[in-house]
Amino acid sequence: MNRYAGLAAVDSAIGPGKDPWDPIHSLRAFGRHKLTSVEMTVTNLCNMRCEHCAVGDSLVFKEPEHIPLELMLNALDQVEHLQTISITGGEPSFRRKTVEEVIVPLLKYAKSKGIRSQMNSNLTLDYERYEPLLPYLDVMHISFNYTSALDFHEVGFARNPHPVNEDVAYKMYNKMIDNTRKLSEAGMFISAESMINYRTHRKLPEIHRLIVEMGCQRHEVHPMYAADFAENLPKLSLDEIRCAISDLLDARDPELWMLFGTLPFFACNDHSSDAELLRRLRTEKNVTVRNDPDGRNRVNVNMFTGDVFVTDFAAIPSFGNIKERRLDDIFDDWLDKHPLNQRVNCYCEAASCCGPNLLVADMYYNNVDFKTRKAITL
């Protein structure tokens, strides 16, 4: 059986015309959402405590043993249409043992199957920690929300239980930049993600300039939604988010791929400013907008318990465990039966839109039924 039947070939380069993590591709191919992406949480350890961290509440200082790697590989093997994997934490590279015994084998598996791979990291450890990933990893995803080492110190250790010396933070910041440049020069595709939040919304052009100078291949931009660990941070208005995106588009380097995701603006909104912004995003050179993968074509597996979650951020309990059920079956139950999914499971071909994720719907569209709406202006 060809598990990629109906999907684009996976051997073409990742770029503005090919984003295999976007759930719209499998939706168009199969006529409904299919599980094509599996994210794995390989650690809850991290050397930082960022104020915006979506999984900050789960970070620990000591963790148990992983489930057997073979169990995870078998679960991946059973996913009929698997196209991408993602590795996340915590900081996945925090322990050398995790890199050698979990991450590299997962990446080798993906490479051997023609499956695209991504890893989230802060790149603040020694370069040798990341070098073994070079032959296998497709996308290294980093968070970059800073205009200086001072920003890095304030943001990156805001939730640390003990004060972190400025010199320590500055060394980590410089190491992150050096690692990014060196890995990029060695051929690694690095995507730097910036969040639009109360700290960054007026600084995005400067942040973008630094990302270009670091040699990244993509600048990824997402509004930040107050959830879990970051639920008490100030909330931006929709107007502030629109202005931040417009300012960034005005100042950006048009040769660098810019990917926007989890946007709270939709073609079915009766708002001229939304229509204008979406039109610009659609026509700007090297700019793409990704539909949110969580709960649409992706699940997350906790590699300490085997528990499966349909989204990183919304407070939805585990939906099953790979020790007991196939990932496809768990995903289908979520897709067909869960009332929260029914609330946002809509699709507009005219706008290439899979609708809002749960955080966007809760924060800005609490009483809106997207399934009854249609695109107004394209």
Protein backbone atom coordinates (compact mmCIF):
# COMPACT_ATOMS: atom_id res chain seq x y z
CA MET A 1 0.00 0.00 0.00
CA ASN A 2 1.24 3.51 -0.84
CA ARG A 3 0.76 5.43 2.37
CA TYR A 4 1.29 8.70 0.49
CA ALA A 5 -1.45 8.10 -2.07
CA GLY A 6 -3.10 11.41 -2.89
CA LEU A 7 -0.36 13.51 -1.29
CA ALA A 8 2.39 15.47 -2.97
CA ALA A 9 5.75 13.74 -3.28
CA VAL A 10 7.87 14.25 -0.18
CA ASP A 11 11.19 14.53 -2.00
CA SER A 12 10.69 18.13 -3.17
CA ALA A 13 12.31 20.93 -1.20
CA ILE A 14 10.41 22.56 1.65
CA GLY A 15 9.60 26.13 0.71
CA PRO A 16 6.79 28.69 0.24
CA GLY A 17 5.18 26.36 -2.28
CA LYS A 18 5.50 23.28 -0.09
CA ASP A 19 4.68 23.24 3.61
CA PRO A 20 3.96 19.59 4.52
CA TRP A 21 2.75 20.53 8.02
CA ASP A 22 -0.29 22.43 6.70
CA PRO A 23 -3.40 20.24 7.17
CA ILE A 24 -5.09 21.66 4.09
CA HIS A 25 -3.06 19.37 1.81
CA SER A 26 -4.39 16.13 3.27
CA LEU A 27 -7.87 17.62 3.61
CA ARG A 28 -7.93 18.36 -0.10
CA ALA A 29 -6.46 14.97 -0.96
CA PHE A 30 -8.83 12.87 1.13
CA GLY A 31 -11.92 15.05 1.47
CA ARG A 32 -11.59 15.09 5.28
CA HIS A 33 -8.87 15.60 7.83
CA LYS A 34 -6.44 12.70 8.19
CA LEU A 35 -3.65 12.08 10.65
CA THR A 36 -0.51 12.90 8.67
CA SER A 37 1.65 14.41 11.43
CA VAL A 38 2.77 13.13 14.84
CA GLU A 39 4.52 15.29 17.42
CA MET A 40 6.47 13.65 20.24
CA THR A 41 7.34 15.23 23.58
CA VAL A 42 10.72 13.69 24.39
CA THR A 43 11.58 15.71 27.49
CA ASN A 44 10.11 17.98 30.16
CA LEU A 45 13.55 19.34 31.07
CA CYS A 46 14.67 22.78 29.93
CA ASN A 47 17.51 25.18 30.71
CA MET A 48 15.17 28.18 30.31
CA ARG A 49 11.84 29.29 31.79
CA CYS A 50 10.32 31.63 29.20
CA GLU A 51 7.35 33.67 30.33
CA HIS A 52 5.36 32.73 27.23
CA CYS A 53 6.10 28.99 27.28
CA ALA A 54 3.04 27.00 26.24
CA VAL A 55 4.17 23.93 28.23
CA GLY A 56 5.80 25.70 31.15
CA ASP A 57 3.52 24.04 33.70
CA SER A 58 4.83 20.62 32.69
CA LEU A 59 8.56 21.45 32.98
CA VAL A 60 10.44 19.53 35.67
CA PHE A 61 13.95 19.20 37.09
CA LYS A 62 14.00 15.39 37.02
CA GLU A 63 12.07 13.04 34.79
CA PRO A 64 11.34 9.29 34.53
CA GLU A 65 12.50 6.87 31.82
CA HIS A 66 10.99 6.99 28.35
CA ILE A 67 8.62 4.38 27.05
CA PRO A 68 10.46 1.86 24.84
CA LEU A 69 11.47 3.48 21.56
CA GLU A 70 10.21 0.42 19.69
CA LEU A 71 6.70 1.11 21.00
CA MET A 72 6.81 4.61 19.52
CA LEU A 73 8.24 3.40 16.21
CA ASN A 74 5.54 0.74 15.96
CA ALA A 75 2.88 3.38 16.61
CA LEU A 76 4.32 5.54 13.83
CA ASP A 77 4.46 2.55 11.48
CA GLN A 78 0.73 2.03 11.93
CA VAL A 79 -0.21 5.58 10.86
CA GLU A 80 -1.49 5.04 7.34
CA HIS A 81 -0.73 8.46 5.88
CA LEU A 82 2.17 9.71 8.01
CA GLN A 83 3.98 12.55 6.29
CA THR A 84 5.71 14.56 9.04
CA ILE A 85 6.98 14.18 12.59
CA SER A 86 7.91 16.86 15.12
CA ILE A 87 10.09 16.52 18.22
CA THR A 88 9.49 18.86 21.12
CA GLY A 89 9.92 19.34 24.87
CA GLY A 90 11.13 21.09 27.08
CA GLU A 91 14.46 21.44 25.38
CA PRO A 92 14.85 18.16 23.43
CA SER A 93 18.64 18.36 23.40
CA PHE A 94 18.93 19.04 27.15
CA ARG A 95 20.37 15.56 27.79
CA ARG A 96 22.93 14.05 25.45
CA LYS A 97 21.41 10.63 26.14
CA THR A 98 18.04 11.81 24.79
CA VAL A 99 19.71 13.04 21.62
CA GLU A 100 21.62 9.82 21.06
CA GLU A 101 19.03 7.24 22.15
CA VAL A 102 15.72 8.87 21.21
CA ILE A 103 16.01 11.84 18.84
CA VAL A 104 18.58 10.54 16.36
CA PRO A 105 16.82 7.13 16.02
CA LEU A 106 13.48 8.89 15.43
CA LEU A 107 15.04 11.13 12.78
CA LYS A 108 16.77 8.18 11.12
CA TYR A 109 13.44 6.36 11.03
CA ALA A 110 11.75 9.36 9.42
CA LYS A 111 14.53 9.77 6.86
CA SER A 112 14.34 6.11 5.89
CA LYS A 113 10.58 6.38 5.31
CA GLY A 114 10.60 9.66 3.39
CA ILE A 115 8.88 11.43 6.30
CA ARG A 116 9.69 15.09 6.95
CA SER A 117 10.99 15.99 10.42
CA GLN A 118 11.11 19.06 12.64
CA MET A 119 12.60 19.67 16.08
CA ASN A 120 11.97 22.56 18.48
CA SER A 121 15.05 23.85 20.30
CA ASN A 122 16.49 26.99 21.86
CA LEU A 123 19.97 26.19 20.41
CA THR A 124 21.71 27.50 23.54
CA LEU A 125 23.79 24.38 24.26
CA ASP A 126 27.14 23.41 22.76
CA TYR A 127 27.21 23.08 18.98
CA GLU A 128 28.25 19.42 19.28
CA ARG A 129 24.83 18.66 20.78
CA TYR A 130 23.16 19.56 17.46
CA GLU A 131 25.77 18.37 14.97
CA PRO A 132 24.53 14.72 14.95
CA LEU A 133 21.16 15.97 13.65
CA LEU A 134 22.58 17.49 10.46
CA PRO A 135 22.24 14.40 8.21
CA TYR A 136 18.62 13.72 9.21
CA LEU A 137 16.66 16.77 10.38
CA ASP A 138 14.57 18.73 7.85
CA VAL A 139 13.59 21.76 9.97
CA MET A 140 15.12 23.13 13.16
CA HIS A 141 12.50 25.35 14.78
CA ILE A 142 13.65 27.99 17.26
CA SER A 143 11.85 30.75 19.16
CA PHE A 144 13.31 34.21 18.62
CA ASN A 145 11.53 37.15 20.26
CA TYR A 146 14.45 39.39 21.08
CA THR A 147 16.20 42.55 19.93
CA SER A 148 19.10 42.14 22.36
CA ALA A 149 20.66 39.94 25.01
CA LEU A 150 18.75 42.01 27.58
CA ASP A 151 15.44 40.97 25.99
CA PHE A 152 16.59 37.35 26.05
CA HIS A 153 17.43 37.58 29.75
CA GLU A 154 14.12 39.19 30.69
CA VAL A 155 11.91 36.90 28.59
CA GLY A 156 13.82 33.63 28.75
CA PHE A 157 14.11 33.43 32.52
CA ALA A 158 11.01 35.29 33.67
CA ARG A 159 9.63 32.12 35.29
CA ASN A 160 12.88 30.80 36.70
CA PRO A 161 12.58 29.92 40.40
CA HIS A 162 15.93 31.61 41.09
CA PRO A 163 17.50 34.73 39.54
CA VAL A 164 19.77 34.05 36.57
CA ASN A 165 22.96 36.09 36.30
CA GLU A 166 23.03 38.47 33.32
CA ASP A 167 26.40 37.16 32.17
CA VAL A 168 25.05 33.60 32.04
CA ALA A 169 22.05 34.68 29.98
CA TYR A 170 24.16 36.80 27.63
CA LYS A 171 26.49 33.88 26.94
CA MET A 172 23.50 31.67 26.14
CA TYR A 173 22.08 34.33 23.81
CA ASN A 174 25.34 34.65 21.91
CA LYS A 175 25.72 30.88 21.72
CA MET A 176 22.20 30.60 20.27
CA ILE A 177 23.07 33.12 17.56
CA ASP A 178 26.42 31.46 16.81
CA ASN A 179 24.84 28.00 16.65
CA THR A 180 22.11 29.26 14.33
CA ARG A 181 24.63 30.75 11.93
CA LYS A 182 26.94 27.74 12.02
CA LEU A 183 24.15 25.19 11.55
CA SER A 184 22.65 27.24 8.71
CA GLU A 185 26.03 27.38 7.00
CA ALA A 186 26.30 23.60 7.43
CA GLY A 187 23.02 23.17 5.55
CA MET A 188 20.39 22.96 8.27
CA PHE A 189 17.03 24.59 7.53
CA ILE A 190 16.33 26.86 10.50
CA SER A 191 12.93 28.44 11.05
CA ALA A 192 12.87 31.18 13.67
CA GLU A 193 9.47 31.79 15.21
CA SER A 194 8.46 35.12 16.68
CA MET A 195 5.31 35.64 18.66
CA ILE A 196 3.17 38.74 18.42
CA ASN A 197 2.63 39.70 22.04
CA TYR A 198 2.73 42.65 24.39
CA ARG A 199 6.55 42.69 24.33
CA THR A 200 7.17 42.19 20.63
CA HIS A 201 4.34 43.79 18.67
CA ARG A 202 6.26 47.04 18.13
CA LYS A 203 9.66 45.36 17.72
CA LEU A 204 8.98 42.83 14.97
CA PRO A 205 10.89 44.66 12.20
CA GLU A 206 14.06 44.70 14.34
CA ILE A 207 13.55 41.07 15.37
CA HIS A 208 13.15 40.19 11.68
CA ARG A 209 16.38 41.98 10.79
CA LEU A 210 18.32 39.91 13.33
CA ILE A 211 16.72 36.69 12.05
CA VAL A 212 17.89 37.54 8.54
CA GLU A 213 21.40 38.27 9.83
CA MET A 214 21.45 34.91 11.65
CA GLY A 215 21.05 33.11 8.33
CA CYS A 216 17.66 31.52 9.01
CA GLN A 217 15.73 30.13 6.05
CA ARG A 218 12.32 31.13 7.38
CA HIS A 219 10.72 33.61 9.74
CA GLU A 220 7.63 32.12 11.35
CA VAL A 221 5.17 34.50 13.00
CA HIS A 222 2.27 33.62 15.33
CA PRO A 223 0.13 35.73 17.63
CA MET A 224 0.50 34.60 21.23
CA TYR A 225 -2.61 33.38 22.97
CA ALA A 226 -2.75 33.45 26.76
CA ALA A 227 -3.00 29.80 27.80
CA ASP A 228 -1.72 27.53 30.56
CA PHE A 229 1.67 28.80 31.76
CA ALA A 230 1.18 32.17 30.01
CA GLU A 231 -2.50 32.67 30.76
CA ASN A 232 -1.98 35.85 32.81
CA LEU A 233 0.07 37.75 30.23
CA PRO A 234 -1.51 40.89 28.69
CA LYS A 235 -3.76 40.28 25.69
CA LEU A 236 -3.37 42.26 22.47
CA SER A 237 -6.38 43.62 20.64
CA LEU A 238 -7.09 42.51 17.08
CA ASP A 239 -6.17 46.01 15.91
CA GLU A 240 -2.77 45.76 17.61
CA ILE A 241 -2.12 42.40 15.95
CA ARG A 242 -3.13 43.79 12.54
CA CYS A 243 -0.81 46.76 12.95
CA ALA A 244 2.08 44.55 14.05
CA ILE A 245 1.71 42.32 10.99
CA SER A 246 1.44 45.31 8.64
CA ASP A 247 4.55 46.94 10.12
CA LEU A 248 6.46 43.69 9.75
CA LEU A 249 5.39 43.25 6.12
CA ASP A 250 6.48 46.82 5.38
CA ALA A 251 9.96 46.25 6.81
CA ARG A 252 10.70 42.61 5.95
CA ASP A 253 13.28 41.18 3.57
CA PRO A 254 11.11 39.89 0.69
CA GLU A 255 13.68 37.21 -0.16
CA LEU A 256 13.15 35.38 3.14
CA TRP A 257 10.19 33.04 3.47
CA MET A 258 7.77 34.38 6.05
CA LEU A 259 5.18 31.95 7.39
CA PHE A 260 2.23 33.20 9.43
CA GLY A 261 0.15 30.81 11.52
CA THR A 262 -2.73 30.71 14.01
CA LEU A 263 -3.99 34.09 12.80
CA PRO A 264 -7.26 35.44 14.24
CA PHE A 265 -8.35 36.91 10.89
CA PHE A 266 -10.69 35.14 8.49
CA ALA A 267 -12.15 35.76 5.04
CA CYS A 268 -15.62 35.25 6.50
CA ASN A 269 -15.23 38.25 8.81
CA ASP A 270 -17.30 41.30 7.97
CA HIS A 271 -14.38 43.64 8.54
CA SER A 272 -12.63 45.60 5.78
CA SER A 273 -9.32 45.66 7.66
CA ASP A 274 -9.30 41.86 7.83
CA ALA A 275 -10.02 41.60 4.11
CA GLU A 276 -7.24 44.06 3.29
CA LEU A 277 -4.70 42.25 5.47
CA LEU A 278 -5.61 38.79 4.16
CA ARG A 279 -5.38 40.04 0.58
CA ARG A 280 -1.91 41.38 1.27
CA LEU A 281 -0.77 38.16 2.93
CA ARG A 282 -2.02 36.22 -0.08
CA THR A 283 -0.20 38.35 -2.66
CA GLU A 284 3.11 39.25 -0.97
CA LYS A 285 6.21 37.51 -2.31
CA ASN A 286 7.43 34.57 -0.19
CA VAL A 287 4.62 34.95 2.37
CA THR A 288 2.42 32.00 3.33
CA VAL A 289 -0.29 31.40 5.92
CA ARG A 290 -0.43 27.97 7.56
CA ASN A 291 -3.58 26.43 8.93
CA ASP A 292 -3.12 25.14 12.46
CA PRO A 293 -2.10 21.44 12.46
CA ASP A 294 -3.12 20.63 16.05
CA GLY A 295 -6.26 18.51 16.10
CA ARG A 296 -6.57 18.72 12.32
CA ASN A 297 -3.77 16.52 11.03
CA ARG A 298 -1.54 16.21 14.10
CA VAL A 299 -1.52 14.64 17.55
CA ASN A 300 1.07 14.79 20.31
CA VAL A 301 2.47 11.71 22.06
CA ASN A 302 4.02 11.96 25.52
CA MET A 303 7.06 9.67 25.35
CA PHE A 304 7.08 9.05 29.10
CA THR A 305 3.54 7.74 29.35
CA GLY A 306 2.39 7.01 25.80
CA ASP A 307 -0.60 9.34 26.31
CA VAL A 308 -1.95 11.03 23.19
CA PHE A 309 -3.12 14.66 23.06
CA VAL A 310 -4.89 16.34 20.18
CA THR A 311 -3.45 19.79 20.88
CA ASP A 312 -0.50 21.31 22.72
CA PHE A 313 -2.33 24.27 24.14
CA ALA A 314 -6.02 23.76 24.78
CA ALA A 315 -6.82 22.14 28.12
CA ILE A 316 -8.10 18.84 26.70
CA PRO A 317 -7.16 15.64 28.58
CA SER A 318 -5.37 12.73 26.93
CA PHE A 319 -7.49 11.10 24.27
CA GLY A 320 -5.89 7.66 24.45
CA ASN A 321 -2.57 5.82 24.76
CA ILE A 322 -0.36 4.17 22.14
CA LYS A 323 0.01 1.14 24.41
CA GLU A 324 -3.66 0.38 23.85
CA ARG A 325 -4.83 1.97 20.58
CA ARG A 326 -3.67 2.96 17.12
CA LEU A 327 -3.00 6.65 16.58
CA ASP A 328 -5.34 6.71 13.57
CA ASP A 329 -8.19 5.38 15.71
CA ILE A 330 -7.54 7.90 18.48
CA PHE A 331 -7.49 10.73 15.94
CA ASP A 332 -10.69 9.56 14.26
CA ASP A 333 -12.50 9.53 17.60
CA TRP A 334 -11.45 13.12 18.20
CA LEU A 335 -12.44 14.15 14.69
CA ASP A 336 -15.86 12.49 14.65
CA LYS A 337 -17.02 12.47 18.25
CA HIS A 338 -15.55 15.23 20.39
CA PRO A 339 -17.88 18.25 20.76
CA LEU A 340 -14.97 20.70 20.95
CA ASN A 341 -13.76 19.60 17.53
CA GLN A 342 -17.25 19.86 16.09
CA ARG A 343 -17.28 23.50 17.17
CA VAL A 344 -14.32 24.52 14.97
CA ASN A 345 -14.15 21.77 12.35
CA CYS A 346 -14.98 23.89 9.32
CA TYR A 347 -13.36 24.38 5.92
CA CYS A 348 -13.57 27.04 3.21
CA GLU A 349 -11.96 26.06 -0.08
CA ALA A 350 -12.39 29.58 -1.50
CA ALA A 351 -10.21 31.00 1.28
CA SER A 352 -7.94 27.93 1.73
CA CYS A 353 -8.96 28.06 5.37
CA CYS A 354 -9.51 25.31 7.93
CA GLY A 355 -11.09 27.68 10.45
CA PRO A 356 -9.90 28.85 13.87
CA ASN A 357 -8.22 26.69 16.43
CA LEU A 358 -9.80 26.43 19.87
CA LEU A 359 -7.65 29.14 21.47
CA VAL A 360 -8.49 31.67 18.76
CA ALA A 361 -12.19 30.82 18.95
CA ASP A 362 -12.25 31.16 22.74
CA MET A 363 -10.30 34.40 22.88
CA TYR A 364 -11.77 36.41 20.01
CA TYR A 365 -14.83 34.58 18.65
CA ASN A 366 -16.51 33.00 21.65
CA ASN A 367 -20.07 33.20 20.33
CA VAL A 368 -19.39 32.73 16.61
CA ASP A 369 -20.45 29.65 14.66
CA PHE A 370 -17.88 29.45 11.87
CA LYS A 371 -19.66 26.52 10.25
CA THR A 372 -22.50 28.83 9.17
CA ARG A 373 -20.24 31.46 7.60
CA LYS A 374 -18.81 31.93 4.11
CA ALA A 375 -15.92 33.93 2.70
CA ILE A 376 -16.97 37.51 1.98
CA THR A 377 -13.95 39.06 0.27
CA LEU A 378 -11.01 37.25 -1.31
